[in-house]
Amino acid sequence: MTTTTIQTVSASATSHILNCKLGSEDHNWSDFLADNIRGRQSIAGLQLLPVAVRQHKGSFRPVYDLAAVHAFVKDVQKLVPSAVPTAVKVTALAIDRTRHWRMNKFDTRGVPITMRAYRHATSATPASRIGL
């Protein structure tokens, strides 16, 4: 039995590295890594698998060889030229800081969504429905 000491990173750190180097346009990297473990997904036939599991807060989590992560990035960049880092999308929104954050709602264009007053349906039957 021979062991080798290597630099490892967590699945979340691996996902972050992949997002920074390959962009996020086509992939949710956390899901990609989970699907790789299950053998369900690859990029141009390339897979990235963990080298071990490490206990974290009571459960075992996969860890990845840092050198293998960087090699995977280089291989994907060779085979898929469109895999490039994407800029973080920043959207300017007019936030009302006096309101609770859940009340600051916007549509996909960034236009505020006005809240309608909530009307509770009563169990009483309207007078017009009973002939009065």
Protein backbone atom coordinates (compact mmCIF):
# COMPACT_ATOMS: atom_id res chain seq x y z
CA MET A 1 0.00 0.00 0.00
CA THR A 2 1.47 3.31 -1.08
CA THR A 3 0.02 6.64 -0.16
CA THR A 4 0.71 10.03 -1.63
CA THR A 5 0.00 13.38 -0.07
CA ILE A 6 -1.80 15.68 -2.50
CA GLN A 7 -3.51 19.06 -2.29
CA THR A 8 -7.28 18.58 -2.16
CA VAL A 9 -10.22 20.98 -2.33
CA SER A 10 -13.85 20.60 -1.33
CA ALA A 11 -16.67 20.17 -3.84
CA SER A 12 -17.81 23.76 -3.28
CA ALA A 13 -14.29 25.09 -3.88
CA THR A 14 -14.02 22.91 -7.00
CA SER A 15 -17.34 24.28 -8.24
CA HIS A 16 -16.08 27.81 -7.65
CA ILE A 17 -12.84 27.13 -9.56
CA LEU A 18 -14.79 25.69 -12.50
CA ASN A 19 -17.14 28.66 -12.51
CA CYS A 20 -14.23 31.13 -12.50
CA LYS A 21 -12.26 29.35 -15.22
CA LEU A 22 -15.01 27.97 -17.47
CA GLY A 23 -17.91 30.32 -16.87
CA SER A 24 -21.45 29.62 -15.81
CA GLU A 25 -23.35 29.95 -19.08
CA ASP A 26 -24.15 26.29 -19.65
CA HIS A 27 -23.49 24.62 -16.32
CA ASN A 28 -24.35 24.64 -12.68
CA TRP A 29 -21.02 23.23 -11.58
CA SER A 30 -22.26 21.83 -8.26
CA ASP A 31 -24.87 19.78 -10.11
CA PHE A 32 -22.26 18.79 -12.71
CA LEU A 33 -19.95 17.40 -10.02
CA ALA A 34 -22.79 15.50 -8.36
CA ASP A 35 -23.85 14.06 -11.72
CA ASN A 36 -20.24 13.04 -12.46
CA ILE A 37 -20.19 10.95 -9.28
CA ARG A 38 -23.37 9.22 -10.46
CA GLY A 39 -21.94 8.74 -13.97
CA ARG A 40 -24.71 10.81 -15.59
CA GLN A 41 -22.87 13.73 -17.14
CA SER A 42 -19.64 14.70 -18.85
CA ILE A 43 -18.28 17.49 -21.01
CA ALA A 44 -17.07 16.15 -24.35
CA GLY A 45 -16.49 12.83 -22.60
CA LEU A 46 -14.46 14.38 -19.77
CA GLN A 47 -15.39 13.73 -16.19
CA LEU A 48 -14.04 15.07 -12.91
CA LEU A 49 -14.27 12.61 -10.05
CA PRO A 50 -13.33 13.01 -6.39
CA VAL A 51 -10.22 11.31 -5.00
CA ALA A 52 -11.61 10.74 -1.50
CA VAL A 53 -14.30 11.69 0.96
CA ARG A 54 -13.71 13.73 4.09
CA GLN A 55 -15.91 13.98 7.17
CA HIS A 56 -17.53 17.38 7.58
CA LYS A 57 -20.22 18.13 10.17
CA GLY A 58 -21.21 14.52 10.60
CA SER A 59 -21.28 13.46 6.94
CA PHE A 60 -18.72 12.51 4.38
CA ARG A 61 -18.18 14.98 1.54
CA PRO A 62 -16.17 14.46 -1.67
CA VAL A 63 -12.78 16.14 -2.08
CA TYR A 64 -10.98 16.72 -5.37
CA ASP A 65 -7.33 16.67 -6.36
CA LEU A 66 -6.43 20.29 -7.08
CA ALA A 67 -4.03 19.29 -9.86
CA ALA A 68 -6.76 17.16 -11.48
CA VAL A 69 -9.19 20.11 -11.30
CA HIS A 70 -6.71 22.35 -13.14
CA ALA A 71 -6.00 19.60 -15.70
CA PHE A 72 -9.76 19.18 -16.24
CA VAL A 73 -10.10 22.94 -16.87
CA LYS A 74 -7.28 22.87 -19.46
CA ASP A 75 -8.76 19.82 -21.21
CA VAL A 76 -12.24 21.37 -21.37
CA GLN A 77 -10.83 24.63 -22.73
CA LYS A 78 -9.08 22.68 -25.51
CA LEU A 79 -12.16 20.65 -26.47
CA VAL A 80 -14.82 23.31 -25.94
CA PRO A 81 -13.56 26.73 -27.05
CA SER A 82 -16.80 28.40 -25.92
CA ALA A 83 -16.01 27.51 -22.28
CA VAL A 84 -14.65 30.86 -21.17
CA PRO A 85 -15.09 32.82 -17.97
CA THR A 86 -18.21 34.94 -17.91
CA ALA A 87 -18.49 38.26 -16.18
CA VAL A 88 -20.70 38.60 -13.14
CA LYS A 89 -23.99 40.19 -14.15
CA VAL A 90 -24.68 43.32 -12.09
CA THR A 91 -28.14 44.88 -12.11
CA ALA A 92 -28.96 48.31 -10.70
CA LEU A 93 -32.18 48.19 -8.64
CA ALA A 94 -33.94 51.00 -6.79
CA ILE A 95 -34.07 49.49 -3.29
CA ASP A 96 -36.25 50.94 -0.54
CA ARG A 97 -34.11 50.29 2.54
CA THR A 98 -36.99 51.12 4.90
CA ARG A 99 -38.84 47.99 3.75
CA HIS A 100 -38.06 44.39 4.65
CA TRP A 101 -35.92 42.75 1.96
CA ARG A 102 -38.72 40.36 1.01
CA MET A 103 -40.94 43.31 0.15
CA ASN A 104 -38.47 44.69 -2.42
CA LYS A 105 -39.66 42.70 -5.45
CA PHE A 106 -38.63 43.23 -9.06
CA ASP A 107 -39.49 41.63 -12.38
CA THR A 108 -36.89 40.26 -14.81
CA ARG A 109 -36.30 43.74 -16.26
CA GLY A 110 -35.62 45.28 -12.84
CA VAL A 111 -38.96 47.11 -12.62
CA PRO A 112 -40.45 47.17 -9.10
CA ILE A 113 -43.48 44.95 -8.60
CA THR A 114 -46.16 46.75 -6.65
CA MET A 115 -47.79 44.80 -3.90
CA ARG A 116 -51.57 44.55 -3.96
CA ALA A 117 -53.48 44.69 -0.73
CA TYR A 118 -54.32 41.19 0.38
CA ARG A 119 -58.02 40.60 0.79
CA HIS A 120 -59.07 37.73 2.94
CA ALA A 121 -62.00 35.79 1.53
CA THR A 122 -64.79 35.72 4.09
CA SER A 123 -67.07 32.81 4.62
CA ALA A 124 -70.14 35.07 4.52
CA THR A 125 -72.15 34.89 1.32
CA PRO A 126 -72.59 38.29 -0.40
CA ALA A 127 -76.10 39.75 -0.17
CA SER A 128 -76.42 39.79 -3.95
CA ARG A 129 -76.02 35.99 -4.08
CA ILE A 130 -78.80 35.27 -1.61
CA GLY A 131 -81.34 37.57 -3.26
CA LEU A 132 -81.28 40.51 -0.85
